[in-house]
Amino acid sequence: MPPPRTRGTALRQRLAELRGPDVPAKALDARALAALAANPGCARRAILDGAGVNKAALASALGSPSAFGQSQFALTRGNAFEAKVKADGGAELLRLVHEKLDRSAEPPADARVPDLTATGPRGRTARTELELREAAAHPGAWTLLDHPMLALDVAGSPAFLEPDAVVVHPDGSWTVVEIKSFPLLDGSADPAKVGAAARQAAVYVLALEEVAARLGAEPEGRAPGGAPAPRVRHRILLVCPRDFSNLPAASAVDIRKQRAVTARQLARLTRIEDIADALPEGTCFSPELPAEELTAAVESVPATYAPECLSACELAFHCRTRSRQAGAVTSLGRPVRAELGGLTTVEEVLAAARGEAGDPDDPAVAALRRAAALRAEALEAACR
């Protein structure tokens, strides 16, 4: 008699059925996980990402092709800038880490830059962990890991992540380095882009914390060689071009808030089985399905659209169209939605402002009516 299926096996089989027959799962990366953290209330994105559905192909099949992603020019420029930052064994990168995050340590000289080459993502992950263990066993030196591979458990499956760099400080602590091609103008950058980079770095920090936890589980809670279990720093180094040049500048970014939000969202993904169980029998998100059937499958999962989704999700255009058709106030942005309380549609908002509906004691309704009265007074005065 075959052994009974475990809960994890049953969930993986259910998610495979949602993808469609013989459709390979699209692996989650740090950008996808960071986008989940940016919109934690969206059940549609959670189930599609959890099932490994290719959302770009899905959006095209729905008739709303995605414009999400970086241009080839931006990728080329970013790769050239990263190569410049990491030239000469990462000397400039380590100098920036020392200057911005660890001035009390000895200046970096003759840092270790180990070779992380291995076969496949699992091999690279094992190689990265081996080098981190080696660095923990020999404190007092700087170590630069160039494009290490980390694994993070997501809904029972490993997501393989590749940060730009991880630096091991002489005290044994670890810092994530994010290298971006958007500029630092007069020492500051676009807050939205910095926020996206911080959420992405938070995913890497969580993955590193899992590695540190395994090292901390060594006998007597110490890493190999008797050194204390490593600490993952919650301030990451963001490296960008200075002003309009190609010279690197850096800023230390505290990602504690983003880390906490991302950790909570990943915990929600472990309950993805609840979302899957609520779907109609036979639901499938394969782009090969007829348009009507595919649309019905996607619409069976509630979405939480916001304008910010346009820069983070391949299905944003489809969800925006549906949100506008339904007159949902979420299409106006999260700040507006937060101010309107229980009013969820534009029609409800207009009716409340005109005094045709709504509880007068509701602060949102009262504010709308006051705003409508002021607008009427202003128009009347303008017409005199």
Protein backbone atom coordinates (compact mmCIF):
# COMPACT_ATOMS: atom_id res chain seq x y z
CA MET A 1 0.00 0.00 0.00
CA PRO A 2 1.48 3.42 -0.93
CA PRO A 3 2.14 5.79 1.97
CA PRO A 4 -0.49 8.49 2.57
CA ARG A 5 0.22 11.87 0.98
CA THR A 6 1.59 14.46 3.31
CA ARG A 7 -0.07 17.85 3.51
CA GLY A 8 2.86 19.43 1.68
CA THR A 9 2.69 16.88 -1.14
CA ALA A 10 -1.06 17.42 -1.53
CA LEU A 11 -0.58 21.20 -1.68
CA ARG A 12 2.15 20.91 -4.32
CA GLN A 13 -0.10 18.68 -6.42
CA ARG A 14 -2.98 21.14 -6.06
CA LEU A 15 -0.77 24.05 -7.13
CA ALA A 16 0.45 22.05 -10.12
CA GLU A 17 -3.19 21.51 -11.15
CA LEU A 18 -3.77 25.27 -10.96
CA ARG A 19 -0.81 25.90 -13.31
CA GLY A 20 -2.12 23.46 -15.87
CA PRO A 21 -0.98 20.07 -17.15
CA ASP A 22 2.74 19.81 -17.88
CA VAL A 23 3.28 23.54 -17.28
CA PRO A 24 6.58 24.11 -15.42
CA ALA A 25 6.46 26.36 -12.37
CA LYS A 26 7.91 29.84 -12.71
CA ALA A 27 10.42 30.23 -9.90
CA LEU A 28 9.90 33.06 -7.45
CA ASP A 29 12.69 35.61 -7.27
CA ALA A 30 13.42 38.48 -4.91
CA ARG A 31 11.50 41.00 -7.04
CA ALA A 32 8.37 38.85 -6.94
CA LEU A 33 8.63 38.29 -3.20
CA ALA A 34 9.21 42.01 -2.62
CA ALA A 35 6.13 42.83 -4.71
CA LEU A 36 4.10 40.44 -2.56
CA ALA A 37 5.19 42.38 0.49
CA ALA A 38 4.18 45.64 -1.21
CA ASN A 39 0.59 44.40 -1.64
CA PRO A 40 0.00 41.82 1.10
CA GLY A 41 -3.80 41.82 0.76
CA CYS A 42 -3.91 40.55 -2.84
CA ALA A 43 -5.07 36.92 -2.78
CA ARG A 44 -4.87 36.74 -6.59
CA ARG A 45 -1.15 37.48 -6.68
CA ALA A 46 -0.51 35.18 -3.72
CA ILE A 47 -2.12 32.13 -5.34
CA LEU A 48 -0.63 32.80 -8.79
CA ASP A 49 2.89 33.26 -7.42
CA GLY A 50 2.47 30.36 -5.01
CA ALA A 51 1.43 28.10 -7.89
CA GLY A 52 4.31 29.30 -10.06
CA VAL A 53 2.04 30.71 -12.80
CA ASN A 54 3.77 32.77 -15.48
CA LYS A 55 1.81 36.00 -15.00
CA ALA A 56 3.27 37.66 -18.13
CA ALA A 57 1.93 34.85 -20.33
CA LEU A 58 -1.34 34.91 -18.40
CA ALA A 59 -1.74 38.68 -18.93
CA SER A 60 -1.18 38.28 -22.68
CA ALA A 61 -3.75 35.49 -22.85
CA LEU A 62 -6.26 37.74 -21.06
CA GLY A 63 -5.75 40.48 -23.63
CA SER A 64 -3.88 42.85 -21.31
CA PRO A 65 -0.19 42.38 -22.17
CA SER A 66 2.22 43.43 -19.47
CA ALA A 67 4.59 46.35 -19.87
CA PHE A 68 6.27 45.36 -16.62
CA GLY A 69 10.02 44.85 -16.58
CA GLN A 70 13.30 46.61 -17.32
CA SER A 71 14.32 47.76 -20.79
CA GLN A 72 17.36 46.18 -22.41
CA PHE A 73 19.10 49.57 -22.27
CA ALA A 74 18.52 49.81 -18.51
CA LEU A 75 19.83 46.26 -18.00
CA THR A 76 22.97 46.97 -20.02
CA ARG A 77 23.61 50.22 -18.17
CA GLY A 78 23.02 48.52 -14.82
CA ASN A 79 25.40 45.65 -15.62
CA ALA A 80 28.13 48.09 -16.71
CA PHE A 81 27.75 50.12 -13.52
CA GLU A 82 27.83 46.99 -11.33
CA ALA A 83 31.01 45.81 -13.06
CA LYS A 84 32.62 49.20 -12.35
CA VAL A 85 31.64 49.05 -8.67
CA LYS A 86 33.06 45.53 -8.28
CA ALA A 87 36.27 46.11 -10.24
CA ASP A 88 39.68 45.37 -8.65
CA GLY A 89 38.31 42.70 -6.35
CA GLY A 90 35.51 44.93 -5.10
CA ALA A 91 37.92 47.49 -3.61
CA GLU A 92 35.56 50.45 -4.13
CA LEU A 93 32.53 48.50 -2.93
CA LEU A 94 34.30 47.44 0.27
CA ARG A 95 35.48 51.00 0.82
CA LEU A 96 31.88 52.20 0.66
CA VAL A 97 30.76 49.48 3.09
CA HIS A 98 33.51 50.50 5.51
CA GLU A 99 32.71 54.21 5.15
CA LYS A 100 28.93 53.96 5.51
CA LEU A 101 28.45 51.01 7.85
CA ASP A 102 31.57 50.01 9.80
CA ARG A 103 34.09 52.82 10.31
CA SER A 104 35.28 51.29 13.58
CA ALA A 105 36.68 48.26 11.73
CA GLU A 106 40.04 48.09 10.06
CA PRO A 107 39.93 49.45 6.48
CA PRO A 108 39.41 46.63 3.97
CA ALA A 109 42.62 45.37 2.44
CA ASP A 110 43.33 42.02 0.81
CA ALA A 111 39.70 40.97 1.25
CA ARG A 112 38.69 37.42 0.39
CA VAL A 113 36.61 37.14 -2.78
CA PRO A 114 35.88 33.41 -2.99
CA ASP A 115 34.81 31.66 -6.17
CA LEU A 116 31.12 30.70 -5.84
CA THR A 117 30.91 28.71 -9.07
CA ALA A 118 28.88 25.50 -8.79
CA THR A 119 26.41 23.45 -10.81
CA GLY A 120 22.79 24.52 -10.62
CA PRO A 121 21.05 26.72 -8.04
CA ARG A 122 21.23 24.08 -5.31
CA GLY A 123 24.95 23.64 -5.87
CA ARG A 124 25.52 27.39 -5.81
CA THR A 125 23.43 27.70 -2.63
CA ALA A 126 25.52 25.03 -0.92
CA ARG A 127 28.72 26.70 -2.10
CA THR A 128 27.57 30.08 -0.76
CA GLU A 129 26.71 28.60 2.63
CA LEU A 130 30.08 26.86 2.74
CA GLU A 131 31.90 30.16 2.15
CA LEU A 132 29.77 31.91 4.77
CA ARG A 133 30.70 29.17 7.26
CA GLU A 134 34.35 29.58 6.30
CA ALA A 135 34.17 33.36 6.88
CA ALA A 136 32.49 32.78 10.26
CA ALA A 137 35.32 30.43 11.22
CA HIS A 138 37.98 33.08 10.46
CA PRO A 139 36.83 36.42 11.90
CA GLY A 140 38.94 39.55 11.60
CA ALA A 141 38.96 39.76 7.80
CA TRP A 142 36.72 41.23 5.14
CA THR A 143 35.02 38.84 2.70
CA LEU A 144 33.08 39.80 -0.44
CA LEU A 145 30.63 37.29 -1.89
CA ASP A 146 29.90 38.35 -5.48
CA HIS A 147 26.43 37.20 -6.60
CA PRO A 148 25.94 34.52 -3.95
CA MET A 149 22.94 32.19 -4.19
CA LEU A 150 20.55 31.96 -1.25
CA ALA A 151 17.49 29.79 -0.69
CA LEU A 152 14.37 30.92 1.14
CA ASP A 153 11.51 28.59 2.03
CA VAL A 154 8.29 29.91 0.48
CA ALA A 155 5.10 27.94 1.05
CA GLY A 156 7.10 24.73 1.47
CA SER A 157 9.29 25.18 -1.62
CA PRO A 158 12.72 26.82 -1.95
CA ALA A 159 12.97 30.14 -3.80
CA PHE A 160 16.52 30.72 -5.05
CA LEU A 161 17.69 34.31 -4.67
CA GLU A 162 20.77 36.09 -6.00
CA PRO A 163 21.73 39.37 -4.29
CA ASP A 164 24.27 41.62 -5.96
CA ALA A 165 26.71 41.05 -3.11
CA VAL A 166 27.02 40.06 0.54
CA VAL A 167 29.87 41.42 2.63
CA VAL A 168 31.21 39.68 5.74
CA HIS A 169 32.65 42.23 8.18
CA PRO A 170 35.69 41.58 10.39
CA ASP A 171 33.35 41.12 13.37
CA GLY A 172 31.61 38.30 11.49
CA SER A 173 28.38 40.18 10.72
CA TRP A 174 26.82 40.09 7.25
CA THR A 175 25.60 42.99 5.08
CA VAL A 176 23.47 42.83 1.93
CA VAL A 177 24.58 45.15 -0.90
CA GLU A 178 22.12 46.34 -3.55
CA ILE A 179 23.56 47.97 -6.69
CA LYS A 180 21.06 50.00 -8.72
CA SER A 181 21.39 52.16 -11.84
CA PHE A 182 19.06 54.98 -10.73
CA PRO A 183 21.01 58.05 -9.56
CA LEU A 184 21.61 59.58 -6.16
CA LEU A 185 20.99 63.29 -6.76
CA ASP A 186 22.49 65.52 -4.07
CA GLY A 187 22.72 62.51 -1.79
CA SER A 188 19.10 61.33 -2.18
CA ALA A 189 17.18 59.17 -4.65
CA ASP A 190 13.59 58.61 -5.77
CA PRO A 191 11.80 57.41 -2.60
CA ALA A 192 9.67 54.90 -4.55
CA LYS A 193 12.77 53.30 -6.10
CA VAL A 194 14.59 53.25 -2.78
CA GLY A 195 11.54 51.62 -1.17
CA ALA A 196 11.46 48.92 -3.86
CA ALA A 197 15.18 48.27 -3.38
CA ALA A 198 14.68 48.06 0.39
CA ARG A 199 11.87 45.51 0.02
CA GLN A 200 14.02 43.44 -2.32
CA ALA A 201 16.96 43.59 0.11
CA ALA A 202 14.64 42.54 2.95
CA VAL A 203 14.03 39.25 1.10
CA TYR A 204 17.79 38.63 0.97
CA VAL A 205 18.12 39.48 4.66
CA LEU A 206 15.46 36.90 5.55
CA ALA A 207 17.28 34.27 3.50
CA LEU A 208 20.58 35.11 5.18
CA GLU A 209 18.92 34.86 8.58
CA GLU A 210 17.95 31.29 7.76
CA VAL A 211 21.62 30.51 7.03
CA ALA A 212 22.70 32.26 10.24
CA ALA A 213 20.11 30.26 12.19
CA ARG A 214 21.59 27.02 10.87
CA LEU A 215 25.08 28.13 11.90
CA GLY A 216 23.69 29.17 15.29
CA ALA A 217 22.29 25.65 15.70
CA GLU A 218 25.82 24.26 15.80
CA PRO A 219 26.85 22.67 19.12
CA GLU A 220 26.79 25.27 21.91
CA GLY A 221 25.08 27.71 19.50
CA ARG A 222 28.34 28.75 17.92
CA ALA A 223 29.60 28.74 14.37
CA PRO A 224 32.52 26.56 13.25
CA GLY A 225 35.84 27.53 14.77
CA GLY A 226 34.25 28.72 18.02
CA ALA A 227 33.15 32.12 16.66
CA PRO A 228 29.76 33.47 17.73
CA ALA A 229 26.87 32.73 15.39
CA PRO A 230 26.83 35.48 12.72
CA ARG A 231 24.56 38.52 12.86
CA VAL A 232 22.72 39.72 9.77
CA ARG A 233 22.70 43.51 9.72
CA HIS A 234 19.39 45.26 9.15
CA ARG A 235 21.05 48.23 7.47
CA ILE A 236 21.90 47.44 3.87
CA LEU A 237 24.17 49.35 1.51
CA LEU A 238 22.49 50.87 -1.53
CA VAL A 239 25.02 51.78 -4.25
CA CYS A 240 23.94 54.06 -7.12
CA PRO A 241 25.57 56.43 -9.63
CA ARG A 242 26.38 59.84 -8.18
CA ASP A 243 24.31 62.61 -9.77
CA PHE A 244 24.63 62.28 -13.57
CA SER A 245 28.01 60.58 -13.59
CA ASN A 246 28.95 56.90 -13.56
CA LEU A 247 30.83 57.26 -10.26
CA PRO A 248 29.47 55.15 -7.40
CA ALA A 249 27.87 56.70 -4.34
CA ALA A 250 26.30 54.82 -1.46
CA SER A 251 23.69 55.19 1.25
CA ALA A 252 22.92 53.04 4.28
CA VAL A 253 19.23 52.05 4.31
CA ASP A 254 17.45 50.70 7.37
CA ILE A 255 15.18 47.87 6.18
CA ARG A 256 13.74 46.68 9.50
CA LYS A 257 10.21 47.76 8.56
CA GLN A 258 10.39 46.13 5.12
CA ARG A 259 11.82 42.97 6.65
CA ALA A 260 8.94 42.70 9.13
CA VAL A 261 6.30 43.25 6.42
CA THR A 262 7.95 40.71 4.11
CA ALA A 263 8.19 38.12 6.88
CA ARG A 264 4.47 38.53 7.64
CA GLN A 265 3.54 38.17 3.97
CA LEU A 266 5.64 35.04 3.56
CA ALA A 267 3.90 33.63 6.63
CA ARG A 268 0.57 34.33 4.86
CA LEU A 269 1.80 32.33 1.88
CA THR A 270 2.12 29.27 4.10
CA ARG A 271 -1.70 29.47 4.33
CA ILE A 272 -2.04 29.50 0.55
CA GLU A 273 -3.82 26.17 0.88
CA ASP A 274 -6.83 28.06 2.27
CA ILE A 275 -7.00 30.21 -0.89
CA ALA A 276 -6.65 27.14 -3.12
CA ASP A 277 -9.38 25.25 -1.23
CA ALA A 278 -11.81 28.16 -1.72
CA LEU A 279 -11.48 28.01 -5.53
CA PRO A 280 -14.14 26.25 -7.65
CA GLU A 281 -13.36 22.66 -8.56
CA GLY A 282 -11.34 22.39 -11.76
CA THR A 283 -9.95 25.94 -11.64
CA CYS A 284 -6.88 26.29 -13.84
CA PHE A 285 -4.78 29.29 -14.85
CA SER A 286 -3.12 27.82 -17.94
CA PRO A 287 -2.73 30.46 -20.71
CA GLU A 288 -3.74 27.73 -23.19
CA LEU A 289 -7.35 27.81 -21.97
CA PRO A 290 -10.10 29.63 -23.92
CA ALA A 291 -10.25 33.33 -23.04
CA GLU A 292 -13.66 33.16 -21.33
CA GLU A 293 -12.69 30.17 -19.19
CA LEU A 294 -9.36 31.72 -18.26
CA THR A 295 -10.98 35.05 -17.36
CA ALA A 296 -13.51 33.29 -15.13
CA ALA A 297 -10.69 31.42 -13.38
CA VAL A 298 -8.73 34.61 -12.71
CA GLU A 299 -11.82 36.52 -11.54
CA SER A 300 -12.64 33.72 -9.08
CA VAL A 301 -9.75 34.97 -6.92
CA PRO A 302 -10.21 38.46 -5.39
CA ALA A 303 -7.57 41.05 -6.22
CA THR A 304 -6.54 44.17 -4.34
CA TYR A 305 -5.56 46.55 -7.12
CA ALA A 306 -3.73 49.82 -6.48
CA PRO A 307 -1.87 52.11 -8.92
CA GLU A 308 1.41 50.93 -7.39
CA CYS A 309 0.76 47.52 -8.97
CA LEU A 310 1.61 48.97 -12.39
CA SER A 311 5.31 48.92 -11.48
CA ALA A 312 5.28 45.58 -9.70
CA CYS A 313 2.85 43.08 -11.26
CA GLU A 314 2.37 41.70 -14.76
CA LEU A 315 -1.42 41.49 -14.27
CA ALA A 316 -1.76 45.15 -13.30
CA PHE A 317 -3.43 46.30 -16.55
CA HIS A 318 -6.04 43.55 -16.37
CA CYS A 319 -6.79 44.26 -12.71
CA ARG A 320 -6.92 48.02 -13.35
CA THR A 321 -9.52 47.55 -16.09
CA ARG A 322 -11.68 45.37 -13.83
CA SER A 323 -11.29 47.78 -10.92
CA ARG A 324 -12.41 50.72 -13.06
CA GLN A 325 -15.34 48.77 -14.47
CA ALA A 326 -16.47 48.00 -10.92
CA GLY A 327 -15.98 51.62 -9.87
CA ALA A 328 -13.72 50.52 -7.01
CA VAL A 329 -12.08 53.35 -5.07
CA THR A 330 -8.86 51.29 -4.87
CA SER A 331 -8.14 52.41 -8.44
CA LEU A 332 -7.69 55.93 -7.01
CA GLY A 333 -4.81 54.84 -4.77
CA ARG A 334 -4.32 53.46 -1.27
CA PRO A 335 -4.27 56.88 0.49
CA VAL A 336 -7.69 57.76 -0.96
CA ARG A 337 -9.03 54.31 -0.11
CA ALA A 338 -7.84 54.66 3.49
CA GLU A 339 -9.64 58.00 3.89
CA LEU A 340 -13.00 56.67 2.64
CA GLY A 341 -13.62 54.06 5.33
CA GLY A 342 -16.50 51.77 4.42
CA LEU A 343 -17.21 53.44 1.07
CA THR A 344 -15.82 51.02 -1.50
CA THR A 345 -17.14 52.33 -4.84
CA VAL A 346 -17.03 55.70 -6.59
CA GLU A 347 -20.83 55.59 -6.87
CA GLU A 348 -21.15 55.24 -3.08
CA VAL A 349 -18.73 58.13 -2.59
CA LEU A 350 -20.65 60.45 -4.92
CA ALA A 351 -23.99 59.49 -3.36
CA ALA A 352 -22.61 60.22 0.12
CA ALA A 353 -21.22 63.58 -1.02
CA ARG A 354 -24.61 64.57 -2.48
CA GLY A 355 -26.41 63.55 0.73
CA GLU A 356 -28.30 60.74 -1.01
CA ALA A 357 -26.79 57.92 1.06
CA GLY A 358 -24.43 57.26 3.95
CA ASP A 359 -24.51 57.75 7.69
CA PRO A 360 -24.09 61.46 8.58
CA ASP A 361 -22.18 60.44 11.71
CA ASP A 362 -19.58 58.61 9.62
CA PRO A 363 -16.45 60.86 9.54
CA ALA A 364 -15.80 59.98 5.90
CA VAL A 365 -19.37 60.84 4.88
CA ALA A 366 -19.29 64.08 6.87
CA ALA A 367 -15.99 65.09 5.24
CA LEU A 368 -17.34 64.36 1.76
CA ARG A 369 -20.47 66.44 2.35
CA ARG A 370 -18.42 69.30 3.73
CA ALA A 371 -16.11 69.13 0.69
CA ALA A 372 -19.12 69.08 -1.66
CA ALA A 373 -20.63 72.12 0.08
CA LEU A 374 -17.34 74.04 -0.18
CA ARG A 375 -17.05 73.14 -3.86
CA ALA A 376 -20.59 74.36 -4.52
CA GLU A 377 -19.86 77.64 -2.72
CA ALA A 378 -16.67 78.14 -4.74
CA LEU A 379 -18.46 77.50 -8.05
CA GLU A 380 -21.28 79.83 -7.10
CA ALA A 381 -18.83 82.59 -6.21
CA ALA A 382 -16.95 82.09 -9.47
CA CYS A 383 -20.15 82.48 -11.49
CA ARG A 384 -21.10 85.84 -9.96
